[in-house]
Amino acid sequence: MLRLHSFSFFCLILIGLMVAAFWQIQTSSNSPLRRVTNTSPEVISLNPSLSGDGSQVAFESTGDLAGVGGAQHFRAIKGSMSVEPFRFAEVGNTRAVSPSQSQDGSRVTFASYEDLIGQNEDR
């Protein structure tokens, strides 16, 4: 009877170690998923675009991720994913509909109604 209890205890310990090892593998930082922003539930981030080499991300957000200040509205955001914590820059004070990037992320394009560079006479 004592042998049976010892064997059961050994099996429970072994199963516990296997579960712990599996949990560590599943929660390691080698996951292909990465959280880019950590914002309040009221902030909306949409239309992400990743550069071909994966070093840059562009999207639109109602959050002031670049620390520019001002009222809450949509902003075109570009972020560097090659450093942690991620660094964000405001590309435009506008929506960034359908953003696209060059292979290395050095150029970002997106649709906008705003006059971002002062050359649109219609705005």
PDB file of N, CA and C in Angstrom:
ATOM      1  N   MET A   1       0.814  -1.186   0.000  1.00  0.00           N
ATOM      2  CA  MET A   1       0.000   0.000   0.000  1.00  0.00           C
ATOM      3  C   MET A   1       0.863   1.258   0.000  1.00  0.00           C
ATOM      4  N   LEU A   2       1.961   1.220   0.779  1.00  0.00           N
ATOM      5  CA  LEU A   2       2.859   2.353   0.849  1.00  0.00           C
ATOM      6  C   LEU A   2       3.522   2.608  -0.498  1.00  0.00           C
ATOM      7  N   ARG A   3       3.832   1.512  -1.210  1.00  0.00           N
ATOM      8  CA  ARG A   3       4.436   1.643  -2.537  1.00  0.00           C
ATOM      9  C   ARG A   3       3.479   2.328  -3.498  1.00  0.00           C
ATOM     10  N   LEU A   4       2.207   1.996  -3.415  1.00  0.00           N
ATOM     11  CA  LEU A   4       1.209   2.590  -4.297  1.00  0.00           C
ATOM     12  C   LEU A   4       1.102   4.087  -4.048  1.00  0.00           C
ATOM     13  N   HIS A   5       1.105   4.509  -2.791  1.00  0.00           N
ATOM     14  CA  HIS A   5       1.045   5.936  -2.472  1.00  0.00           C
ATOM     15  C   HIS A   5       2.302   6.662  -2.937  1.00  0.00           C
ATOM     16  N   SER A   6       3.454   6.040  -2.771  1.00  0.00           N
ATOM     17  CA  SER A   6       4.706   6.651  -3.213  1.00  0.00           C
ATOM     18  C   SER A   6       4.712   6.818  -4.729  1.00  0.00           C
ATOM     19  N   PHE A   7       4.245   5.784  -5.434  1.00  0.00           N
ATOM     20  CA  PHE A   7       4.189   5.856  -6.893  1.00  0.00           C
ATOM     21  C   PHE A   7       3.207   6.941  -7.346  1.00  0.00           C
ATOM     22  N   SER A   8       2.049   7.031  -6.696  1.00  0.00           N
ATOM     23  CA  SER A   8       1.058   8.067  -7.036  1.00  0.00           C
ATOM     24  C   SER A   8       1.631   9.460  -6.798  1.00  0.00           C
ATOM     25  N   PHE A   9       2.318   9.628  -5.687  1.00  0.00           N
ATOM     26  CA  PHE A   9       2.923  10.912  -5.360  1.00  0.00           C
ATOM     27  C   PHE A   9       3.975  11.276  -6.411  1.00  0.00           C
ATOM     28  N   PHE A  10       4.793  10.302  -6.801  1.00  0.00           N
ATOM     29  CA  PHE A  10       5.819  10.522  -7.823  1.00  0.00           C
ATOM     30  C   PHE A  10       5.176  10.936  -9.155  1.00  0.00           C
ATOM     31  N   CYS A  11       4.087  10.273  -9.526  1.00  0.00           N
ATOM     32  CA  CYS A  11       3.382  10.602 -10.774  1.00  0.00           C
ATOM     33  C   CYS A  11       2.809  12.012 -10.730  1.00  0.00           C
ATOM     34  N   LEU A  12       2.248  12.405  -9.611  1.00  0.00           N
ATOM     35  CA  LEU A  12       1.696  13.759  -9.474  1.00  0.00           C
ATOM     36  C   LEU A  12       2.792  14.818  -9.587  1.00  0.00           C
ATOM     37  N   ILE A  13       3.926  14.558  -8.973  1.00  0.00           N
ATOM     38  CA  ILE A  13       5.056  15.493  -9.070  1.00  0.00           C
ATOM     39  C   ILE A  13       5.538  15.577 -10.513  1.00  0.00           C
ATOM     40  N   LEU A  14       5.661  14.458 -11.177  1.00  0.00           N
ATOM     41  CA  LEU A  14       6.105  14.433 -12.570  1.00  0.00           C
ATOM     42  C   LEU A  14       5.129  15.184 -13.479  1.00  0.00           C
ATOM     43  N   ILE A  15       3.849  14.986 -13.302  1.00  0.00           N
ATOM     44  CA  ILE A  15       2.835  15.694 -14.094  1.00  0.00           C
ATOM     45  C   ILE A  15       2.909  17.195 -13.821  1.00  0.00           C
ATOM     46  N   GLY A  16       3.091  17.572 -12.563  1.00  0.00           N
ATOM     47  CA  GLY A  16       3.219  18.981 -12.207  1.00  0.00           C
ATOM     48  C   GLY A  16       4.415  19.637 -12.880  1.00  0.00           C
ATOM     49  N   LEU A  17       5.541  18.944 -12.914  1.00  0.00           N
ATOM     50  CA  LEU A  17       6.740  19.471 -13.577  1.00  0.00           C
ATOM     51  C   LEU A  17       6.525  19.605 -15.085  1.00  0.00           C
ATOM     52  N   MET A  18       5.838  18.638 -15.674  1.00  0.00           N
ATOM     53  CA  MET A  18       5.567  18.703 -17.115  1.00  0.00           C
ATOM     54  C   MET A  18       4.638  19.879 -17.441  1.00  0.00           C
ATOM     55  N   VAL A  19       3.623  20.096 -16.635  1.00  0.00           N
ATOM     56  CA  VAL A  19       2.703  21.218 -16.838  1.00  0.00           C
ATOM     57  C   VAL A  19       3.460  22.537 -16.696  1.00  0.00           C
ATOM     58  N   ALA A  20       4.334  22.638 -15.684  1.00  0.00           N
ATOM     59  CA  ALA A  20       5.113  23.859 -15.481  1.00  0.00           C
ATOM     60  C   ALA A  20       6.032  24.130 -16.672  1.00  0.00           C
ATOM     61  N   ALA A  21       6.674  23.090 -17.189  1.00  0.00           N
ATOM     62  CA  ALA A  21       7.555  23.256 -18.347  1.00  0.00           C
ATOM     63  C   ALA A  21       6.753  23.670 -19.578  1.00  0.00           C
ATOM     64  N   PHE A  22       5.602  23.067 -19.788  1.00  0.00           N
ATOM     65  CA  PHE A  22       4.749  23.429 -20.925  1.00  0.00           C
ATOM     66  C   PHE A  22       4.281  24.876 -20.793  1.00  0.00           C
ATOM     67  N   TRP A  23       3.881  25.287 -19.596  1.00  0.00           N
ATOM     68  CA  TRP A  23       3.408  26.652 -19.363  1.00  0.00           C
ATOM     69  C   TRP A  23       4.512  27.656 -19.677  1.00  0.00           C
ATOM     70  N   GLN A  24       5.744  27.352 -19.272  1.00  0.00           N
ATOM     71  CA  GLN A  24       6.854  28.264 -19.535  1.00  0.00           C
ATOM     72  C   GLN A  24       7.116  28.378 -21.027  1.00  0.00           C
ATOM     73  N   ILE A  25       7.019  27.295 -21.765  1.00  0.00           N
ATOM     74  CA  ILE A  25       7.215  27.329 -23.219  1.00  0.00           C
ATOM     75  C   ILE A  25       6.132  28.166 -23.872  1.00  0.00           C
ATOM     76  N   GLN A  26       4.889  28.021 -23.440  1.00  0.00           N
ATOM     77  CA  GLN A  26       3.773  28.742 -24.045  1.00  0.00           C
ATOM     78  C   GLN A  26       3.795  30.229 -23.725  1.00  0.00           C
ATOM     79  N   THR A  27       4.385  30.638 -22.613  1.00  0.00           N
ATOM     80  CA  THR A  27       4.386  32.044 -22.224  1.00  0.00           C
ATOM     81  C   THR A  27       5.741  32.706 -22.435  1.00  0.00           C
ATOM     82  N   SER A  28       6.643  32.086 -23.161  1.00  0.00           N
ATOM     83  CA  SER A  28       7.960  32.676 -23.372  1.00  0.00           C
ATOM     84  C   SER A  28       7.868  33.852 -24.329  1.00  0.00           C
ATOM     85  N   SER A  29       8.912  34.685 -24.339  1.00  0.00           N
ATOM     86  CA  SER A  29       8.923  35.872 -25.185  1.00  0.00           C
ATOM     87  C   SER A  29       9.221  35.534 -26.646  1.00  0.00           C
ATOM     88  N   ASN A  30       9.389  34.285 -26.984  1.00  0.00           N
ATOM     89  CA  ASN A  30       9.624  33.891 -28.363  1.00  0.00           C
ATOM     90  C   ASN A  30       8.330  33.790 -29.151  1.00  0.00           C
ATOM     91  N   SER A  31       7.241  34.191 -28.560  1.00  0.00           N
ATOM     92  CA  SER A  31       5.943  34.142 -29.219  1.00  0.00           C
ATOM     93  C   SER A  31       5.937  35.076 -30.427  1.00  0.00           C
ATOM     94  N   PRO A  32       5.294  34.690 -31.516  1.00  0.00           N
ATOM     95  CA  PRO A  32       5.220  35.572 -32.683  1.00  0.00           C
ATOM     96  C   PRO A  32       4.300  36.771 -32.446  1.00  0.00           C
ATOM     97  N   LEU A  33       3.530  36.772 -31.360  1.00  0.00           N
ATOM     98  CA  LEU A  33       2.634  37.879 -31.046  1.00  0.00           C
ATOM     99  C   LEU A  33       3.334  38.864 -30.123  1.00  0.00           C
ATOM    100  N   ARG A  34       3.218  40.165 -30.442  1.00  0.00           N
ATOM    101  CA  ARG A  34       3.782  41.213 -29.593  1.00  0.00           C
ATOM    102  C   ARG A  34       2.753  42.314 -29.417  1.00  0.00           C
ATOM    103  N   ARG A  35       2.547  42.740 -28.211  1.00  0.00           N
ATOM    104  CA  ARG A  35       1.656  43.861 -27.945  1.00  0.00           C
ATOM    105  C   ARG A  35       2.442  45.144 -28.204  1.00  0.00           C
ATOM    106  N   VAL A  36       1.885  46.007 -29.048  1.00  0.00           N
ATOM    107  CA  VAL A  36       2.578  47.225 -29.445  1.00  0.00           C
ATOM    108  C   VAL A  36       2.187  48.401 -28.553  1.00  0.00           C
ATOM    109  N   THR A  37       0.917  48.485 -28.181  1.00  0.00           N
ATOM    110  CA  THR A  37       0.448  49.592 -27.344  1.00  0.00           C
ATOM    111  C   THR A  37      -0.139  49.062 -26.054  1.00  0.00           C
ATOM    112  N   ASN A  38      -0.147  49.909 -25.058  1.00  0.00           N
ATOM    113  CA  ASN A  38      -0.791  49.591 -23.790  1.00  0.00           C
ATOM    114  C   ASN A  38      -1.591  50.822 -23.396  1.00  0.00           C
ATOM    115  N   THR A  39      -2.821  50.899 -23.870  1.00  0.00           N
ATOM    116  CA  THR A  39      -3.642  52.090 -23.709  1.00  0.00           C
ATOM    117  C   THR A  39      -4.915  51.776 -22.932  1.00  0.00           C
ATOM    118  N   SER A  40      -5.612  52.826 -22.549  1.00  0.00           N
ATOM    119  CA  SER A  40      -6.880  52.648 -21.852  1.00  0.00           C
ATOM    120  C   SER A  40      -7.933  52.113 -22.819  1.00  0.00           C
ATOM    121  N   PRO A  41      -9.023  51.555 -22.308  1.00  0.00           N
ATOM    122  CA  PRO A  41     -10.069  50.991 -23.173  1.00  0.00           C
ATOM    123  C   PRO A  41     -10.733  52.025 -24.094  1.00  0.00           C
ATOM    124  N   GLU A  42     -10.649  53.309 -23.743  1.00  0.00           N
ATOM    125  CA  GLU A  42     -11.272  54.343 -24.568  1.00  0.00           C
ATOM    126  C   GLU A  42     -10.478  54.641 -25.842  1.00  0.00           C
ATOM    127  N   VAL A  43      -9.209  54.304 -25.871  1.00  0.00           N
ATOM    128  CA  VAL A  43      -8.350  54.590 -27.025  1.00  0.00           C
ATOM    129  C   VAL A  43      -8.617  53.572 -28.125  1.00  0.00           C
ATOM    130  N   ILE A  44      -8.744  54.080 -29.342  1.00  0.00           N
ATOM    131  CA  ILE A  44      -8.988  53.229 -30.504  1.00  0.00           C
ATOM    132  C   ILE A  44      -7.749  53.262 -31.399  1.00  0.00           C
ATOM    133  N   SER A  45      -7.227  52.111 -31.758  1.00  0.00           N
ATOM    134  CA  SER A  45      -6.104  52.005 -32.694  1.00  0.00           C
ATOM    135  C   SER A  45      -6.536  51.095 -33.837  1.00  0.00           C
ATOM    136  N   LEU A  46      -6.381  51.590 -35.068  1.00  0.00           N
ATOM    137  CA  LEU A  46      -6.883  50.884 -36.250  1.00  0.00           C
ATOM    138  C   LEU A  46      -5.856  50.850 -37.368  1.00  0.00           C
ATOM    139  N   ASN A  47      -6.123  50.008 -38.348  1.00  0.00           N
ATOM    140  CA  ASN A  47      -5.411  49.958 -39.635  1.00  0.00           C
ATOM    141  C   ASN A  47      -3.890  49.835 -39.509  1.00  0.00           C
ATOM    142  N   PRO A  48      -3.398  48.803 -38.847  1.00  0.00           N
ATOM    143  CA  PRO A  48      -1.946  48.650 -38.730  1.00  0.00           C
ATOM    144  C   PRO A  48      -1.307  48.220 -40.047  1.00  0.00           C
ATOM    145  N   SER A  49      -0.087  48.665 -40.241  1.00  0.00           N
ATOM    146  CA  SER A  49       0.721  48.266 -41.396  1.00  0.00           C
ATOM    147  C   SER A  49       2.136  48.013 -40.894  1.00  0.00           C
ATOM    148  N   LEU A  50       2.670  46.851 -41.190  1.00  0.00           N
ATOM    149  CA  LEU A  50       4.012  46.475 -40.757  1.00  0.00           C
ATOM    150  C   LEU A  50       4.968  46.584 -41.930  1.00  0.00           C
ATOM    151  N   SER A  51       6.143  47.180 -41.706  1.00  0.00           N
ATOM    152  CA  SER A  51       7.130  47.260 -42.787  1.00  0.00           C
ATOM    153  C   SER A  51       7.582  45.861 -43.165  1.00  0.00           C
ATOM    154  N   GLY A  52       8.127  45.729 -44.353  1.00  0.00           N
ATOM    155  CA  GLY A  52       8.543  44.417 -44.851  1.00  0.00           C
ATOM    156  C   GLY A  52       9.560  43.727 -43.974  1.00  0.00           C
ATOM    157  N   ASP A  53      10.459  44.503 -43.360  1.00  0.00           N
ATOM    158  CA  ASP A  53      11.466  43.891 -42.500  1.00  0.00           C
ATOM    159  C   ASP A  53      11.001  43.748 -41.053  1.00  0.00           C
ATOM    160  N   GLY A  54       9.764  44.209 -40.761  1.00  0.00           N
ATOM    161  CA  GLY A  54       9.188  44.055 -39.435  1.00  0.00           C
ATOM    162  C   GLY A  54       9.697  45.021 -38.389  1.00  0.00           C
ATOM    163  N   SER A  55      10.470  46.029 -38.785  1.00  0.00           N
ATOM    164  CA  SER A  55      11.043  46.949 -37.803  1.00  0.00           C
ATOM    165  C   SER A  55      10.162  48.152 -37.498  1.00  0.00           C
ATOM    166  N   GLN A  56       9.183  48.451 -38.354  1.00  0.00           N
ATOM    167  CA  GLN A  56       8.341  49.631 -38.191  1.00  0.00           C
ATOM    168  C   GLN A  56       6.873  49.242 -38.307  1.00  0.00           C
ATOM    169  N   VAL A  57       6.026  49.978 -37.573  1.00  0.00           N
ATOM    170  CA  VAL A  57       4.592  49.798 -37.665  1.00  0.00           C
ATOM    171  C   VAL A  57       3.964  51.176 -37.847  1.00  0.00           C
ATOM    172  N   ALA A  58       2.931  51.260 -38.678  1.00  0.00           N
ATOM    173  CA  ALA A  58       2.177  52.503 -38.869  1.00  0.00           C
ATOM    174  C   ALA A  58       0.702  52.178 -38.659  1.00  0.00           C
ATOM    175  N   PHE A  59      -0.024  53.088 -38.038  1.00  0.00           N
ATOM    176  CA  PHE A  59      -1.444  52.876 -37.774  1.00  0.00           C
ATOM    177  C   PHE A  59      -2.060  54.203 -37.376  1.00  0.00           C
ATOM    178  N   GLU A  60      -3.372  54.206 -37.179  1.00  0.00           N
ATOM    179  CA  GLU A  60      -4.045  55.393 -36.676  1.00  0.00           C
ATOM    180  C   GLU A  60      -4.555  55.097 -35.277  1.00  0.00           C
ATOM    181  N   SER A  61      -4.532  56.117 -34.425  1.00  0.00           N
ATOM    182  CA  SER A  61      -4.935  55.923 -33.037  1.00  0.00           C
ATOM    183  C   SER A  61      -5.515  57.211 -32.477  1.00  0.00           C
ATOM    184  N   THR A  62      -6.454  57.063 -31.565  1.00  0.00           N
ATOM    185  CA  THR A  62      -6.983  58.224 -30.851  1.00  0.00           C
ATOM    186  C   THR A  62      -6.127  58.535 -29.623  1.00  0.00           C
ATOM    187  N   GLY A  63      -5.171  57.703 -29.321  1.00  0.00           N
ATOM    188  CA  GLY A  63      -4.283  57.925 -28.179  1.00  0.00           C
ATOM    189  C   GLY A  63      -3.110  58.808 -28.548  1.00  0.00           C
ATOM    190  N   ASP A  64      -2.628  59.568 -27.598  1.00  0.00           N
ATOM    191  CA  ASP A  64      -1.458  60.426 -27.811  1.00  0.00           C
ATOM    192  C   ASP A  64      -0.203  59.615 -27.516  1.00  0.00           C
ATOM    193  N   LEU A  65       0.084  58.645 -28.348  1.00  0.00           N
ATOM    194  CA  LEU A  65       1.193  57.724 -28.121  1.00  0.00           C
ATOM    195  C   LEU A  65       2.552  58.388 -28.271  1.00  0.00           C
ATOM    196  N   ALA A  66       2.616  59.460 -29.070  1.00  0.00           N
ATOM    197  CA  ALA A  66       3.880  60.168 -29.289  1.00  0.00           C
ATOM    198  C   ALA A  66       4.108  61.267 -28.257  1.00  0.00           C
ATOM    199  N   GLY A  67       3.124  61.525 -27.400  1.00  0.00           N
ATOM    200  CA  GLY A  67       3.273  62.543 -26.373  1.00  0.00           C
ATOM    201  C   GLY A  67       3.227  63.967 -26.899  1.00  0.00           C
ATOM    202  N   VAL A  68       2.518  64.196 -28.001  1.00  0.00           N
ATOM    203  CA  VAL A  68       2.425  65.522 -28.604  1.00  0.00           C
ATOM    204  C   VAL A  68       1.467  66.420 -27.830  1.00  0.00           C
ATOM    205  N   GLY A  69       0.421  65.843 -27.262  1.00  0.00           N
ATOM    206  CA  GLY A  69      -0.576  66.605 -26.521  1.00  0.00           C
ATOM    207  C   GLY A  69      -1.736  67.017 -27.409  1.00  0.00           C
ATOM    208  N   GLY A  70      -2.681  67.711 -26.829  1.00  0.00           N
ATOM    209  CA  GLY A  70      -3.847  68.163 -27.576  1.00  0.00           C
ATOM    210  C   GLY A  70      -5.057  67.303 -27.306  1.00  0.00           C
ATOM    211  N   ALA A  71      -6.143  67.683 -27.971  1.00  0.00           N
ATOM    212  CA  ALA A  71      -7.413  66.979 -27.793  1.00  0.00           C
ATOM    213  C   ALA A  71      -7.325  65.553 -28.327  1.00  0.00           C
ATOM    214  N   GLN A  72      -8.238  64.716 -27.844  1.00  0.00           N
ATOM    215  CA  GLN A  72      -8.282  63.337 -28.307  1.00  0.00           C
ATOM    216  C   GLN A  72      -8.938  63.293 -29.674  1.00  0.00           C
ATOM    217  N   HIS A  73      -8.199  62.846 -30.654  1.00  0.00           N
ATOM    218  CA  HIS A  73      -8.670  62.693 -32.027  1.00  0.00           C
ATOM    219  C   HIS A  73      -7.763  61.675 -32.712  1.00  0.00           C
ATOM    220  N   PHE A  74      -8.126  61.275 -33.918  1.00  0.00           N
ATOM    221  CA  PHE A  74      -7.277  60.318 -34.632  1.00  0.00           C
ATOM    222  C   PHE A  74      -5.980  60.981 -35.062  1.00  0.00           C
ATOM    223  N   ARG A  75      -4.898  60.226 -34.967  1.00  0.00           N
ATOM    224  CA  ARG A  75      -3.570  60.674 -35.365  1.00  0.00           C
ATOM    225  C   ARG A  75      -2.903  59.547 -36.154  1.00  0.00           C
ATOM    226  N   ALA A  76      -2.124  59.918 -37.148  1.00  0.00           N
ATOM    227  CA  ALA A  76      -1.315  58.941 -37.878  1.00  0.00           C
ATOM    228  C   ALA A  76      -0.047  58.712 -37.062  1.00  0.00           C
ATOM    229  N   ILE A  77       0.213  57.455 -36.711  1.00  0.00           N
ATOM    230  CA  ILE A  77       1.325  57.100 -35.827  1.00  0.00           C
ATOM    231  C   ILE A  77       2.272  56.156 -36.544  1.00  0.00           C
ATOM    232  N   LYS A  78       3.562  56.373 -36.328  1.00  0.00           N
ATOM    233  CA  LYS A  78       4.595  55.449 -36.808  1.00  0.00           C
ATOM    234  C   LYS A  78       5.413  55.028 -35.598  1.00  0.00           C
ATOM    235  N   GLY A  79       5.687  53.742 -35.491  1.00  0.00           N
ATOM    236  CA  GLY A  79       6.427  53.241 -34.339  1.00  0.00           C
ATOM    237  C   GLY A  79       7.590  52.368 -34.733  1.00  0.00           C
ATOM    238  N   SER A  80       8.670  52.507 -33.981  1.00  0.00           N
ATOM    239  CA  SER A  80       9.846  51.661 -34.175  1.00  0.00           C
ATOM    240  C   SER A  80       9.705  50.440 -33.283  1.00  0.00           C
ATOM    241  N   MET A  81       9.759  49.270 -33.878  1.00  0.00           N
ATOM    242  CA  MET A  81       9.627  48.027 -33.127  1.00  0.00           C
ATOM    243  C   MET A  81      10.979  47.373 -32.875  1.00  0.00           C
ATOM    244  N   SER A  82      12.060  48.049 -33.273  1.00  0.00           N
ATOM    245  CA  SER A  82      13.382  47.461 -33.107  1.00  0.00           C
ATOM    246  C   SER A  82      13.971  47.748 -31.728  1.00  0.00           C
ATOM    247  N   VAL A  83      13.308  48.600 -30.936  1.00  0.00           N
ATOM    248  CA  VAL A  83      13.766  48.901 -29.584  1.00  0.00           C
ATOM    249  C   VAL A  83      12.605  48.702 -28.620  1.00  0.00           C
ATOM    250  N   GLU A  84      12.911  48.419 -27.366  1.00  0.00           N
ATOM    251  CA  GLU A  84      11.882  48.337 -26.343  1.00  0.00           C
ATOM    252  C   GLU A  84      12.258  49.262 -25.214  1.00  0.00           C
ATOM    253  N   PRO A  85      11.371  50.087 -24.711  1.00  0.00           N
ATOM    254  CA  PRO A  85       9.980  50.168 -25.133  1.00  0.00           C
ATOM    255  C   PRO A  85       9.879  50.787 -26.521  1.00  0.00           C
ATOM    256  N   PHE A  86       8.792  50.455 -27.205  1.00  0.00           N
ATOM    257  CA  PHE A  86       8.585  50.960 -28.548  1.00  0.00           C
ATOM    258  C   PHE A  86       8.555  52.486 -28.532  1.00  0.00           C
ATOM    259  N   ARG A  87       9.083  53.102 -29.584  1.00  0.00           N
ATOM    260  CA  ARG A  87       9.054  54.562 -29.718  1.00  0.00           C
ATOM    261  C   ARG A  87       8.058  54.927 -30.800  1.00  0.00           C
ATOM    262  N   PHE A  88       7.194  55.897 -30.497  1.00  0.00           N
ATOM    263  CA  PHE A  88       6.164  56.332 -31.430  1.00  0.00           C
ATOM    264  C   PHE A  88       6.394  57.779 -31.842  1.00  0.00           C
ATOM    265  N   ALA A  89       6.052  58.082 -33.093  1.00  0.00           N
ATOM    266  CA  ALA A  89       6.101  59.447 -33.615  1.00  0.00           C
ATOM    267  C   ALA A  89       4.780  59.724 -34.320  1.00  0.00           C
ATOM    268  N   GLU A  90       4.281  60.948 -34.174  1.00  0.00           N
ATOM    269  CA  GLU A  90       3.058  61.339 -34.868  1.00  0.00           C
ATOM    270  C   GLU A  90       3.440  61.786 -36.274  1.00  0.00           C
ATOM    271  N   VAL A  91       2.960  61.069 -37.268  1.00  0.00           N
ATOM    272  CA  VAL A  91       3.255  61.373 -38.670  1.00  0.00           C
ATOM    273  C   VAL A  91       2.326  62.464 -39.176  1.00  0.00           C
ATOM    274  N   GLY A  92       1.092  62.482 -38.703  1.00  0.00           N
ATOM    275  CA  GLY A  92       0.129  63.476 -39.135  1.00  0.00           C
ATOM    276  C   GLY A  92      -1.007  63.601 -38.143  1.00  0.00           C
ATOM    277  N   ASN A  93      -1.567  64.790 -38.084  1.00  0.00           N
ATOM    278  CA  ASN A  93      -2.700  65.068 -37.208  1.00  0.00           C
ATOM    279  C   ASN A  93      -3.980  64.744 -37.975  1.00  0.00           C
ATOM    280  N   THR A  94      -4.135  63.487 -38.338  1.00  0.00           N
ATOM    281  CA  THR A  94      -5.197  63.052 -39.228  1.00  0.00           C
ATOM    282  C   THR A  94      -5.433  61.561 -39.095  1.00  0.00           C
ATOM    283  N   ARG A  95      -6.479  61.079 -39.715  1.00  0.00           N
ATOM    284  CA  ARG A  95      -6.673  59.631 -39.844  1.00  0.00           C
ATOM    285  C   ARG A  95      -5.600  59.078 -40.779  1.00  0.00           C
ATOM    286  N   ALA A  96      -5.262  57.835 -40.620  1.00  0.00           N
ATOM    287  CA  ALA A  96      -4.286  57.157 -41.485  1.00  0.00           C
ATOM    288  C   ALA A  96      -4.982  55.964 -42.117  1.00  0.00           C
ATOM    289  N   VAL A  97      -5.855  56.249 -43.065  1.00  0.00           N
ATOM    290  CA  VAL A  97      -6.626  55.196 -43.720  1.00  0.00           C
ATOM    291  C   VAL A  97      -5.730  54.468 -44.715  1.00  0.00           C
ATOM    292  N   SER A  98      -5.757  53.171 -44.691  1.00  0.00           N
ATOM    293  CA  SER A  98      -4.992  52.304 -45.602  1.00  0.00           C
ATOM    294  C   SER A  98      -3.490  52.618 -45.609  1.00  0.00           C
ATOM    295  N   PRO A  99      -2.846  52.602 -44.464  1.00  0.00           N
ATOM    296  CA  PRO A  99      -1.402  52.886 -44.470  1.00  0.00           C
ATOM    297  C   PRO A  99      -0.613  51.778 -45.155  1.00  0.00           C
ATOM    298  N   SER A 100       0.490  52.185 -45.749  1.00  0.00           N
ATOM    299  CA  SER A 100       1.400  51.251 -46.401  1.00  0.00           C
ATOM    300  C   SER A 100       2.817  51.753 -46.152  1.00  0.00           C
ATOM    301  N   GLN A 101       3.776  50.845 -46.131  1.00  0.00           N
ATOM    302  CA  GLN A 101       5.156  51.232 -45.840  1.00  0.00           C
ATOM    303  C   GLN A 101       6.125  50.640 -46.843  1.00  0.00           C
ATOM    304  N   SER A 102       7.270  51.295 -46.950  1.00  0.00           N
ATOM    305  CA  SER A 102       8.345  50.735 -47.765  1.00  0.00           C
ATOM    306  C   SER A 102       8.932  49.520 -47.043  1.00  0.00           C
ATOM    307  N   GLN A 103       9.750  48.777 -47.723  1.00  0.00           N
ATOM    308  CA  GLN A 103      10.329  47.546 -47.171  1.00  0.00           C
ATOM    309  C   GLN A 103      11.026  47.798 -45.836  1.00  0.00           C
ATOM    310  N   ASP A 104      11.817  48.869 -45.751  1.00  0.00           N
ATOM    311  CA  ASP A 104      12.560  49.154 -44.524  1.00  0.00           C
ATOM    312  C   ASP A 104      11.822  50.086 -43.563  1.00  0.00           C
ATOM    313  N   GLY A 105      10.617  50.515 -43.922  1.00  0.00           N
ATOM    314  CA  GLY A 105       9.817  51.365 -43.052  1.00  0.00           C
ATOM    315  C   GLY A 105      10.210  52.829 -43.067  1.00  0.00           C
ATOM    316  N   SER A 106      11.083  53.230 -43.968  1.00  0.00           N
ATOM    317  CA  SER A 106      11.521  54.627 -43.999  1.00  0.00           C
ATOM    318  C   SER A 106      10.475  55.553 -44.609  1.00  0.00           C
ATOM    319  N   ARG A 107       9.521  54.996 -45.376  1.00  0.00           N
ATOM    320  CA  ARG A 107       8.463  55.799 -45.996  1.00  0.00           C
ATOM    321  C   ARG A 107       7.103  55.197 -45.652  1.00  0.00           C
ATOM    322  N   VAL A 108       6.156  56.093 -45.336  1.00  0.00           N
ATOM    323  CA  VAL A 108       4.794  55.689 -45.007  1.00  0.00           C
ATOM    324  C   VAL A 108       3.840  56.461 -45.905  1.00  0.00           C
ATOM    325  N   THR A 109       2.850  55.778 -46.459  1.00  0.00           N
ATOM    326  CA  THR A 109       1.801  56.440 -47.228  1.00  0.00           C
ATOM    327  C   THR A 109       0.449  56.071 -46.634  1.00  0.00           C
ATOM    328  N   PHE A 110      -0.511  56.996 -46.749  1.00  0.00           N
ATOM    329  CA  PHE A 110      -1.864  56.729 -46.283  1.00  0.00           C
ATOM    330  C   PHE A 110      -2.799  57.750 -46.912  1.00  0.00           C
ATOM    331  N   ALA A 111      -4.069  57.413 -46.930  1.00  0.00           N
ATOM    332  CA  ALA A 111      -5.085  58.313 -47.480  1.00  0.00           C
ATOM    333  C   ALA A 111      -5.511  59.300 -46.405  1.00  0.00           C
ATOM    334  N   SER A 112      -5.702  60.585 -46.813  1.00  0.00           N
ATOM    335  CA  SER A 112      -6.128  61.601 -45.868  1.00  0.00           C
ATOM    336  C   SER A 112      -6.821  62.735 -46.610  1.00  0.00           C
ATOM    337  N   TYR A 113      -7.813  63.349 -45.969  1.00  0.00           N
ATOM    338  CA  TYR A 113      -8.470  64.539 -46.513  1.00  0.00           C
ATOM    339  C   TYR A 113      -7.750  65.823 -46.087  1.00  0.00           C
ATOM    340  N   GLU A 114      -6.874  65.741 -45.137  1.00  0.00           N
ATOM    341  CA  GLU A 114      -6.229  66.923 -44.558  1.00  0.00           C
ATOM    342  C   GLU A 114      -5.105  67.445 -45.453  1.00  0.00           C
ATOM    343  N   ASP A 115      -4.748  68.698 -45.259  1.00  0.00           N
ATOM    344  CA  ASP A 115      -3.647  69.351 -45.972  1.00  0.00           C
ATOM    345  C   ASP A 115      -2.403  69.241 -45.098  1.00  0.00           C
ATOM    346  N   LEU A 116      -1.746  68.126 -45.140  1.00  0.00           N
ATOM    347  CA  LEU A 116      -0.659  67.840 -44.214  1.00  0.00           C
ATOM    348  C   LEU A 116       0.637  68.584 -44.523  1.00  0.00           C
ATOM    349  N   ILE A 117       0.856  68.936 -45.801  1.00  0.00           N
ATOM    350  CA  ILE A 117       2.107  69.621 -46.163  1.00  0.00           C
ATOM    351  C   ILE A 117       1.876  71.023 -46.735  1.00  0.00           C
ATOM    352  N   GLY A 118       0.651  71.518 -46.668  1.00  0.00           N
ATOM    353  CA  GLY A 118       0.356  72.885 -47.086  1.00  0.00           C
ATOM    354  C   GLY A 118       0.314  73.096 -48.585  1.00  0.00           C
ATOM    355  N   GLN A 119       0.047  72.071 -49.357  1.00  0.00           N
ATOM    356  CA  GLN A 119       0.010  72.207 -50.820  1.00  0.00           C
ATOM    357  C   GLN A 119      -1.335  71.796 -51.422  1.00  0.00           C
ATOM    358  N   ASN A 120      -2.349  71.595 -50.591  1.00  0.00           N
ATOM    359  CA  ASN A 120      -3.661  71.187 -51.070  1.00  0.00           C
ATOM    360  C   ASN A 120      -4.587  72.410 -51.008  1.00  0.00           C
ATOM    361  N   GLU A 121      -4.810  73.040 -52.139  1.00  0.00           N
ATOM    362  CA  GLU A 121      -5.632  74.265 -52.183  1.00  0.00           C
ATOM    363  C   GLU A 121      -7.098  74.001 -51.848  1.00  0.00           C
ATOM    364  N   ASP A 122      -7.547  72.782 -51.963  1.00  0.00           N
ATOM    365  CA  ASP A 122      -8.939  72.449 -51.655  1.00  0.00           C
ATOM    366  C   ASP A 122      -9.214  72.457 -50.157  1.00  0.00           C
ATOM    367  N   ARG A 123      -8.219  72.407 -49.332  1.00  0.00           N
ATOM    368  CA  ARG A 123      -8.402  72.346 -47.879  1.00  0.00           C
ATOM    369  C   ARG A 123      -8.008  73.621 -47.227  1.00  0.00           C
TER     370      ARG A 123
END
